[in-house]
Amino acid sequence: MIVSDRFIYIHLHKSGGSFVNEALMRFVPGATMFGYHLPRSRVPPAMRHLPVLGFVRNPWSYYVSWYAFQARMDQPNALFQFASKNRSLDFSGTVRNLLDLGSDSENLDTLLKLLPSAYTNRGLNLPAFALEPIRGSGKGFYSWLYDYMYAGGASPSRVGRTENLRGDLFELLASVQQPISHEMREFIDSAAPRNTSTHVDWRRFYDADLAALVAERDASIIAEHGYRFAA
């Protein structure tokens, strides 16, 4: 996360965070990095009164981006190794395992044994004790991760959509009265995307059954942010 005098920025995994991190760290005076992929619950007590900003993305797109990013790595993270059964499963099988974490306790137990016991401040930075509450929730991994990262606090987190990252970032910063310098505005308007994965249109990864399963398991994000499979 990034802390500043006016707001806290929470970095939700594979949801535009590398671009936003760079913009804030370069152009917001006094902005400080505090851990990596830490949830709102880890905000220092003295700063919990500050508004929380973040981003979300279409969950169907998220799973494709996550899969493509991890699949090209020489050493993918433990979550990918578990979900893909050490690369033996294709996209559909891998994502089904992620979507079932909230309803399959046996699989969840297997994964928890592979995760670290404490925050490591690298990668997904998700220790076993943090993921345990997904048990029995019925939620897909991304919806659960969204709630885990943004829930809590005296007021709701203010969350933009990655699909409109540049425009929504301007709106989020305006909502906390954060001054935007000419240089920062230019960066947000025109800098290239950061840390993106390369793949064909994400819709092509899905058959009807898998698309419907995402719609069921990630229904909370889909409803809250108006997502559809077609857009």
C-alpha atoms as a PDB file:
ATOM      1  CA  MET A   1       0.000   0.000   0.000  1.00  0.00           C
ATOM      2  CA  ILE A   2       0.956   3.670  -0.302  1.00  0.00           C
ATOM      3  CA  VAL A   3       0.310   6.101   2.520  1.00  0.00           C
ATOM      4  CA  SER A   4       0.168   9.879   2.165  1.00  0.00           C
ATOM      5  CA  ASP A   5      -1.164  12.855   4.090  1.00  0.00           C
ATOM      6  CA  ARG A   6      -4.517  12.738   2.278  1.00  0.00           C
ATOM      7  CA  PHE A   7      -5.232   9.084   1.469  1.00  0.00           C
ATOM      8  CA  ILE A   8      -4.197   5.433   1.532  1.00  0.00           C
ATOM      9  CA  TYR A   9      -3.824   3.542  -1.736  1.00  0.00           C
ATOM     10  CA  ILE A  10      -4.430  -0.221  -1.618  1.00  0.00           C
ATOM     11  CA  HIS A  11      -2.855  -2.276  -4.417  1.00  0.00           C
ATOM     12  CA  LEU A  12      -5.239  -5.059  -5.483  1.00  0.00           C
ATOM     13  CA  HIS A  13      -3.361  -7.744  -7.409  1.00  0.00           C
ATOM     14  CA  LYS A  14      -3.363  -7.498 -11.255  1.00  0.00           C
ATOM     15  CA  SER A  15      -5.682  -4.483 -11.191  1.00  0.00           C
ATOM     16  CA  GLY A  16      -3.613  -1.582 -12.512  1.00  0.00           C
ATOM     17  CA  GLY A  17      -1.531  -1.226  -9.384  1.00  0.00           C
ATOM     18  CA  SER A  18       1.935  -0.969 -10.933  1.00  0.00           C
ATOM     19  CA  PHE A  19       0.886   2.075 -12.967  1.00  0.00           C
ATOM     20  CA  VAL A  20      -0.849   3.727 -10.019  1.00  0.00           C
ATOM     21  CA  ASN A  21       2.037   2.949  -7.659  1.00  0.00           C
ATOM     22  CA  GLU A  22       4.490   4.670  -9.985  1.00  0.00           C
ATOM     23  CA  ALA A  23       2.271   7.711 -10.465  1.00  0.00           C
ATOM     24  CA  LEU A  24       1.742   8.198  -6.738  1.00  0.00           C
ATOM     25  CA  MET A  25       5.312   7.523  -5.653  1.00  0.00           C
ATOM     26  CA  ARG A  26       6.744   9.847  -8.295  1.00  0.00           C
ATOM     27  CA  PHE A  27       4.361  12.761  -8.006  1.00  0.00           C
ATOM     28  CA  VAL A  28       2.589  12.833  -4.613  1.00  0.00           C
ATOM     29  CA  PRO A  29       4.792  14.646  -2.081  1.00  0.00           C
ATOM     30  CA  GLY A  30       5.460  12.532   0.994  1.00  0.00           C
ATOM     31  CA  ALA A  31       3.953   9.346  -0.456  1.00  0.00           C
ATOM     32  CA  THR A  32       5.499   6.308   1.226  1.00  0.00           C
ATOM     33  CA  MET A  33       5.359   2.620   0.350  1.00  0.00           C
ATOM     34  CA  PHE A  34       4.166   0.514   3.286  1.00  0.00           C
ATOM     35  CA  GLY A  35       4.529  -3.189   2.630  1.00  0.00           C
ATOM     36  CA  TYR A  36       3.350  -4.796  -0.621  1.00  0.00           C
ATOM     37  CA  HIS A  37      -0.170  -5.970  -1.505  1.00  0.00           C
ATOM     38  CA  LEU A  38      -1.191  -5.414   2.111  1.00  0.00           C
ATOM     39  CA  PRO A  39      -4.920  -5.184   2.930  1.00  0.00           C
ATOM     40  CA  ARG A  40      -6.774  -2.313   4.551  1.00  0.00           C
ATOM     41  CA  SER A  41      -6.716  -4.160   7.861  1.00  0.00           C
ATOM     42  CA  ARG A  42      -2.947  -3.576   7.974  1.00  0.00           C
ATOM     43  CA  VAL A  43      -3.159   0.204   7.693  1.00  0.00           C
ATOM     44  CA  PRO A  44      -1.240   1.716  10.636  1.00  0.00           C
ATOM     45  CA  PRO A  45      -3.661   2.780  13.406  1.00  0.00           C
ATOM     46  CA  ALA A  46      -2.639   6.437  13.205  1.00  0.00           C
ATOM     47  CA  MET A  47      -3.707   6.541   9.547  1.00  0.00           C
ATOM     48  CA  ARG A  48      -6.989   4.644   9.645  1.00  0.00           C
ATOM     49  CA  HIS A  49      -9.007   7.848   9.470  1.00  0.00           C
ATOM     50  CA  LEU A  50      -7.744   8.507   5.932  1.00  0.00           C
ATOM     51  CA  PRO A  51      -9.854   7.608   2.883  1.00  0.00           C
ATOM     52  CA  VAL A  52      -8.805   4.446   1.048  1.00  0.00           C
ATOM     53  CA  LEU A  53      -8.439   4.415  -2.738  1.00  0.00           C
ATOM     54  CA  GLY A  54      -8.069   1.417  -5.034  1.00  0.00           C
ATOM     55  CA  PHE A  55      -8.997  -0.250  -8.308  1.00  0.00           C
ATOM     56  CA  VAL A  56     -10.853  -3.342  -9.480  1.00  0.00           C
ATOM     57  CA  ARG A  57     -11.155  -5.046 -12.861  1.00  0.00           C
ATOM     58  CA  ASN A  58     -13.607  -7.253 -14.694  1.00  0.00           C
ATOM     59  CA  PRO A  59     -13.211 -10.653 -12.977  1.00  0.00           C
ATOM     60  CA  TRP A  60     -13.294 -12.603 -16.253  1.00  0.00           C
ATOM     61  CA  SER A  61     -10.404 -10.427 -17.436  1.00  0.00           C
ATOM     62  CA  TYR A  62      -8.602 -10.765 -14.101  1.00  0.00           C
ATOM     63  CA  TYR A  63      -8.343 -14.547 -14.282  1.00  0.00           C
ATOM     64  CA  VAL A  64      -6.920 -14.398 -17.814  1.00  0.00           C
ATOM     65  CA  SER A  65      -4.370 -11.751 -16.846  1.00  0.00           C
ATOM     66  CA  TRP A  66      -3.354 -13.692 -13.740  1.00  0.00           C
ATOM     67  CA  TYR A  67      -3.056 -16.967 -15.646  1.00  0.00           C
ATOM     68  CA  ALA A  68      -1.069 -15.468 -18.542  1.00  0.00           C
ATOM     69  CA  PHE A  69       1.305 -13.653 -16.194  1.00  0.00           C
ATOM     70  CA  GLN A  70       2.012 -16.682 -14.030  1.00  0.00           C
ATOM     71  CA  ALA A  71       2.191 -19.194 -16.891  1.00  0.00           C
ATOM     72  CA  ARG A  72       5.085 -17.367 -18.545  1.00  0.00           C
ATOM     73  CA  MET A  73       7.175 -17.301 -15.364  1.00  0.00           C
ATOM     74  CA  ASP A  74      10.006 -19.756 -14.767  1.00  0.00           C
ATOM     75  CA  GLN A  75       8.974 -19.933 -11.098  1.00  0.00           C
ATOM     76  CA  PRO A  76       5.251 -19.183 -10.773  1.00  0.00           C
ATOM     77  CA  ASN A  77       3.868 -18.561  -7.324  1.00  0.00           C
ATOM     78  CA  ALA A  78       2.459 -21.227  -5.016  1.00  0.00           C
ATOM     79  CA  LEU A  79      -1.127 -20.304  -5.851  1.00  0.00           C
ATOM     80  CA  PHE A  80      -0.563 -20.954  -9.553  1.00  0.00           C
ATOM     81  CA  GLN A  81       1.374 -24.149  -8.938  1.00  0.00           C
ATOM     82  CA  PHE A  82      -1.481 -25.420  -6.789  1.00  0.00           C
ATOM     83  CA  ALA A  83      -4.322 -24.314  -9.077  1.00  0.00           C
ATOM     84  CA  SER A  84      -2.645 -25.607 -12.240  1.00  0.00           C
ATOM     85  CA  LYS A  85      -1.386 -28.791 -10.564  1.00  0.00           C
ATOM     86  CA  ASN A  86       2.173 -27.807 -11.464  1.00  0.00           C
ATOM     87  CA  ARG A  87       1.202 -26.707 -14.989  1.00  0.00           C
ATOM     88  CA  SER A  88      -0.618 -29.937 -15.832  1.00  0.00           C
ATOM     89  CA  LEU A  89      -3.995 -28.153 -16.196  1.00  0.00           C
ATOM     90  CA  ASP A  90      -5.077 -25.715 -18.887  1.00  0.00           C
ATOM     91  CA  PHE A  91      -6.673 -22.322 -18.259  1.00  0.00           C
ATOM     92  CA  SER A  92     -10.122 -23.760 -17.599  1.00  0.00           C
ATOM     93  CA  GLY A  93      -8.968 -26.350 -15.082  1.00  0.00           C
ATOM     94  CA  THR A  94      -6.674 -23.899 -13.328  1.00  0.00           C
ATOM     95  CA  VAL A  95      -9.307 -21.202 -12.957  1.00  0.00           C
ATOM     96  CA  ARG A  96     -11.927 -23.686 -11.784  1.00  0.00           C
ATOM     97  CA  ASN A  97      -9.631 -24.553  -8.894  1.00  0.00           C
ATOM     98  CA  LEU A  98      -9.405 -20.860  -7.981  1.00  0.00           C
ATOM     99  CA  LEU A  99     -13.150 -20.418  -8.227  1.00  0.00           C
ATOM    100  CA  ASP A 100     -13.749 -23.430  -5.969  1.00  0.00           C
ATOM    101  CA  LEU A 101     -11.535 -22.313  -3.073  1.00  0.00           C
ATOM    102  CA  GLY A 102     -14.531 -20.922  -1.213  1.00  0.00           C
ATOM    103  CA  SER A 103     -16.517 -24.146  -1.550  1.00  0.00           C
ATOM    104  CA  ASP A 104     -13.934 -26.967  -1.542  1.00  0.00           C
ATOM    105  CA  SER A 105     -12.353 -27.288   1.901  1.00  0.00           C
ATOM    106  CA  GLU A 106     -10.151 -30.222   0.925  1.00  0.00           C
ATOM    107  CA  ASN A 107      -8.503 -28.286  -1.892  1.00  0.00           C
ATOM    108  CA  LEU A 108      -8.193 -25.237   0.337  1.00  0.00           C
ATOM    109  CA  ASP A 109      -6.394 -27.287   2.988  1.00  0.00           C
ATOM    110  CA  THR A 110      -3.887 -28.411   0.358  1.00  0.00           C
ATOM    111  CA  LEU A 111      -3.215 -24.843  -0.744  1.00  0.00           C
ATOM    112  CA  LEU A 112      -2.869 -23.454   2.777  1.00  0.00           C
ATOM    113  CA  LYS A 113       0.010 -25.841   3.420  1.00  0.00           C
ATOM    114  CA  LEU A 114       1.871 -24.291   0.473  1.00  0.00           C
ATOM    115  CA  LEU A 115       1.473 -20.662   1.537  1.00  0.00           C
ATOM    116  CA  PRO A 116       3.798 -18.765   3.884  1.00  0.00           C
ATOM    117  CA  SER A 117       2.868 -18.402   7.534  1.00  0.00           C
ATOM    118  CA  ALA A 118       3.464 -14.628   7.574  1.00  0.00           C
ATOM    119  CA  TYR A 119       3.537 -11.643   5.230  1.00  0.00           C
ATOM    120  CA  THR A 120       6.625 -11.655   2.999  1.00  0.00           C
ATOM    121  CA  ASN A 121       6.201  -8.283   1.224  1.00  0.00           C
ATOM    122  CA  ARG A 122       6.722  -9.820  -2.189  1.00  0.00           C
ATOM    123  CA  GLY A 123       4.555 -11.417  -4.845  1.00  0.00           C
ATOM    124  CA  LEU A 124       0.904 -11.869  -3.943  1.00  0.00           C
ATOM    125  CA  ASN A 125       1.927 -11.568  -0.274  1.00  0.00           C
ATOM    126  CA  LEU A 126      -0.899 -13.780   0.948  1.00  0.00           C
ATOM    127  CA  PRO A 127      -0.117 -15.902   4.018  1.00  0.00           C
ATOM    128  CA  ALA A 128      -2.122 -18.990   4.889  1.00  0.00           C
ATOM    129  CA  PHE A 129      -3.902 -17.426   7.869  1.00  0.00           C
ATOM    130  CA  ALA A 130      -5.132 -14.571   5.658  1.00  0.00           C
ATOM    131  CA  LEU A 131      -6.670 -16.902   3.060  1.00  0.00           C
ATOM    132  CA  GLU A 132      -8.284 -19.254   5.610  1.00  0.00           C
ATOM    133  CA  PRO A 133     -11.498 -17.127   5.883  1.00  0.00           C
ATOM    134  CA  ILE A 134     -12.393 -17.921   2.257  1.00  0.00           C
ATOM    135  CA  ARG A 135     -13.475 -21.333   3.580  1.00  0.00           C
ATOM    136  CA  GLY A 136     -17.193 -21.898   3.071  1.00  0.00           C
ATOM    137  CA  SER A 137     -17.751 -18.438   1.596  1.00  0.00           C
ATOM    138  CA  GLY A 138     -18.766 -19.747  -1.826  1.00  0.00           C
ATOM    139  CA  LYS A 139     -16.854 -16.866  -3.383  1.00  0.00           C
ATOM    140  CA  GLY A 140     -14.434 -16.954  -6.260  1.00  0.00           C
ATOM    141  CA  PHE A 141     -10.849 -16.058  -5.477  1.00  0.00           C
ATOM    142  CA  TYR A 142     -10.978 -12.553  -6.948  1.00  0.00           C
ATOM    143  CA  SER A 143     -14.167 -11.523  -5.151  1.00  0.00           C
ATOM    144  CA  TRP A 144     -12.763 -12.840  -1.903  1.00  0.00           C
ATOM    145  CA  LEU A 145      -9.449 -11.025  -2.520  1.00  0.00           C
ATOM    146  CA  TYR A 146     -11.328  -7.788  -3.239  1.00  0.00           C
ATOM    147  CA  ASP A 147     -13.188  -7.990   0.065  1.00  0.00           C
ATOM    148  CA  TYR A 148     -10.033  -8.960   1.950  1.00  0.00           C
ATOM    149  CA  MET A 149      -8.097  -6.005   0.547  1.00  0.00           C
ATOM    150  CA  TYR A 150     -10.729  -3.280   0.815  1.00  0.00           C
ATOM    151  CA  ALA A 151     -13.077  -4.195   3.685  1.00  0.00           C
ATOM    152  CA  GLY A 152     -13.094  -2.538   7.090  1.00  0.00           C
ATOM    153  CA  GLY A 153     -12.587   1.013   8.209  1.00  0.00           C
ATOM    154  CA  ALA A 154     -14.992   3.767   9.105  1.00  0.00           C
ATOM    155  CA  SER A 155     -16.011   4.457   5.489  1.00  0.00           C
ATOM    156  CA  PRO A 156     -16.166   2.374   2.297  1.00  0.00           C
ATOM    157  CA  SER A 157     -13.084   2.228   0.111  1.00  0.00           C
ATOM    158  CA  ARG A 158     -13.278   4.375  -3.019  1.00  0.00           C
ATOM    159  CA  VAL A 159     -12.663   2.013  -5.924  1.00  0.00           C
ATOM    160  CA  GLY A 160     -12.171   2.861  -9.598  1.00  0.00           C
ATOM    161  CA  ARG A 161     -12.305   0.502 -12.560  1.00  0.00           C
ATOM    162  CA  THR A 162      -9.092  -0.603 -14.239  1.00  0.00           C
ATOM    163  CA  GLU A 163     -10.865  -0.420 -17.595  1.00  0.00           C
ATOM    164  CA  ASN A 164     -10.990   3.371 -17.120  1.00  0.00           C
ATOM    165  CA  LEU A 165      -7.851   3.593 -15.010  1.00  0.00           C
ATOM    166  CA  ARG A 166      -6.565   6.991 -16.136  1.00  0.00           C
ATOM    167  CA  GLY A 167      -9.871   8.829 -15.917  1.00  0.00           C
ATOM    168  CA  ASP A 168     -10.896   7.137 -12.681  1.00  0.00           C
ATOM    169  CA  LEU A 169      -7.506   7.872 -11.108  1.00  0.00           C
ATOM    170  CA  PHE A 170      -8.035  11.575 -11.751  1.00  0.00           C
ATOM    171  CA  GLU A 171     -11.495  11.330 -10.158  1.00  0.00           C
ATOM    172  CA  LEU A 172     -10.228   9.437  -7.116  1.00  0.00           C
ATOM    173  CA  LEU A 173      -7.464  11.968  -6.513  1.00  0.00           C
ATOM    174  CA  ALA A 174      -9.929  14.840  -6.909  1.00  0.00           C
ATOM    175  CA  SER A 175     -12.221  13.186  -4.350  1.00  0.00           C
ATOM    176  CA  VAL A 176      -9.501  13.543  -1.690  1.00  0.00           C
ATOM    177  CA  GLN A 177      -8.453  17.040  -2.843  1.00  0.00           C
ATOM    178  CA  GLN A 178      -5.034  15.800  -3.935  1.00  0.00           C
ATOM    179  CA  PRO A 179      -3.262  18.482  -6.015  1.00  0.00           C
ATOM    180  CA  ILE A 180      -2.162  17.184  -9.425  1.00  0.00           C
ATOM    181  CA  SER A 181       0.919  18.763 -10.961  1.00  0.00           C
ATOM    182  CA  HIS A 182       1.352  19.252 -14.695  1.00  0.00           C
ATOM    183  CA  GLU A 183       3.936  16.463 -14.705  1.00  0.00           C
ATOM    184  CA  MET A 184       1.623  14.066 -12.882  1.00  0.00           C
ATOM    185  CA  ARG A 185      -1.267  14.857 -15.211  1.00  0.00           C
ATOM    186  CA  GLU A 186       0.960  14.249 -18.216  1.00  0.00           C
ATOM    187  CA  PHE A 187       2.128  10.914 -16.796  1.00  0.00           C
ATOM    188  CA  ILE A 188      -1.399   9.696 -16.081  1.00  0.00           C
ATOM    189  CA  ASP A 189      -2.610  10.827 -19.501  1.00  0.00           C
ATOM    190  CA  SER A 190       0.152   9.372 -21.630  1.00  0.00           C
ATOM    191  CA  ALA A 191       2.545   6.975 -19.847  1.00  0.00           C
ATOM    192  CA  ALA A 192       2.558   3.414 -21.148  1.00  0.00           C
ATOM    193  CA  PRO A 193       0.795   0.694 -19.123  1.00  0.00           C
ATOM    194  CA  ARG A 194       2.977  -1.085 -16.597  1.00  0.00           C
ATOM    195  CA  ASN A 195       3.476  -4.797 -15.810  1.00  0.00           C
ATOM    196  CA  THR A 196       0.900  -6.041 -18.295  1.00  0.00           C
ATOM    197  CA  SER A 197       0.515  -9.628 -19.487  1.00  0.00           C
ATOM    198  CA  THR A 198       0.359 -10.555 -23.175  1.00  0.00           C
ATOM    199  CA  HIS A 199      -2.578 -12.637 -24.393  1.00  0.00           C
ATOM    200  CA  VAL A 200      -5.390 -12.692 -26.927  1.00  0.00           C
ATOM    201  CA  ASP A 201      -8.809 -11.235 -26.114  1.00  0.00           C
ATOM    202  CA  TRP A 202      -9.739 -12.632 -22.698  1.00  0.00           C
ATOM    203  CA  ARG A 203     -13.197 -13.714 -23.902  1.00  0.00           C
ATOM    204  CA  ARG A 204     -11.580 -16.374 -26.082  1.00  0.00           C
ATOM    205  CA  PHE A 205     -10.315 -18.227 -22.998  1.00  0.00           C
ATOM    206  CA  TYR A 206     -13.836 -19.070 -21.817  1.00  0.00           C
ATOM    207  CA  ASP A 207     -16.435 -21.616 -22.747  1.00  0.00           C
ATOM    208  CA  ALA A 208     -20.017 -21.035 -21.651  1.00  0.00           C
ATOM    209  CA  ASP A 209     -19.745 -23.166 -18.512  1.00  0.00           C
ATOM    210  CA  LEU A 210     -16.620 -21.464 -17.188  1.00  0.00           C
ATOM    211  CA  ALA A 211     -17.977 -17.999 -17.959  1.00  0.00           C
ATOM    212  CA  ALA A 212     -21.129 -18.888 -16.024  1.00  0.00           C
ATOM    213  CA  LEU A 213     -19.103 -20.186 -13.078  1.00  0.00           C
ATOM    214  CA  VAL A 214     -17.222 -16.882 -12.828  1.00  0.00           C
ATOM    215  CA  ALA A 215     -20.565 -15.067 -12.976  1.00  0.00           C
ATOM    216  CA  GLU A 216     -21.789 -17.172 -10.047  1.00  0.00           C
ATOM    217  CA  ARG A 217     -18.705 -17.121  -7.830  1.00  0.00           C
ATOM    218  CA  ASP A 218     -17.740 -13.492  -8.475  1.00  0.00           C
ATOM    219  CA  ALA A 219     -21.286 -12.148  -8.488  1.00  0.00           C
ATOM    220  CA  SER A 220     -20.572  -9.591  -5.762  1.00  0.00           C
ATOM    221  CA  ILE A 221     -17.933  -7.709  -7.787  1.00  0.00           C
ATOM    222  CA  ILE A 222     -19.943  -8.048 -10.983  1.00  0.00           C
ATOM    223  CA  ALA A 223     -23.018  -6.514  -9.364  1.00  0.00           C
ATOM    224  CA  GLU A 224     -21.189  -3.793  -7.440  1.00  0.00           C
ATOM    225  CA  HIS A 225     -19.206  -2.519 -10.406  1.00  0.00           C
ATOM    226  CA  GLY A 226     -21.570  -3.270 -13.278  1.00  0.00           C
ATOM    227  CA  TYR A 227     -19.427  -5.807 -15.088  1.00  0.00           C
ATOM    228  CA  ARG A 228     -20.621  -8.102 -17.865  1.00  0.00           C
ATOM    229  CA  PHE A 229     -18.915 -10.896 -19.748  1.00  0.00           C
ATOM    230  CA  ALA A 230     -19.384  -8.926 -22.960  1.00  0.00           C
ATOM    231  CA  ALA A 231     -17.540  -5.840 -21.684  1.00  0.00           C
END
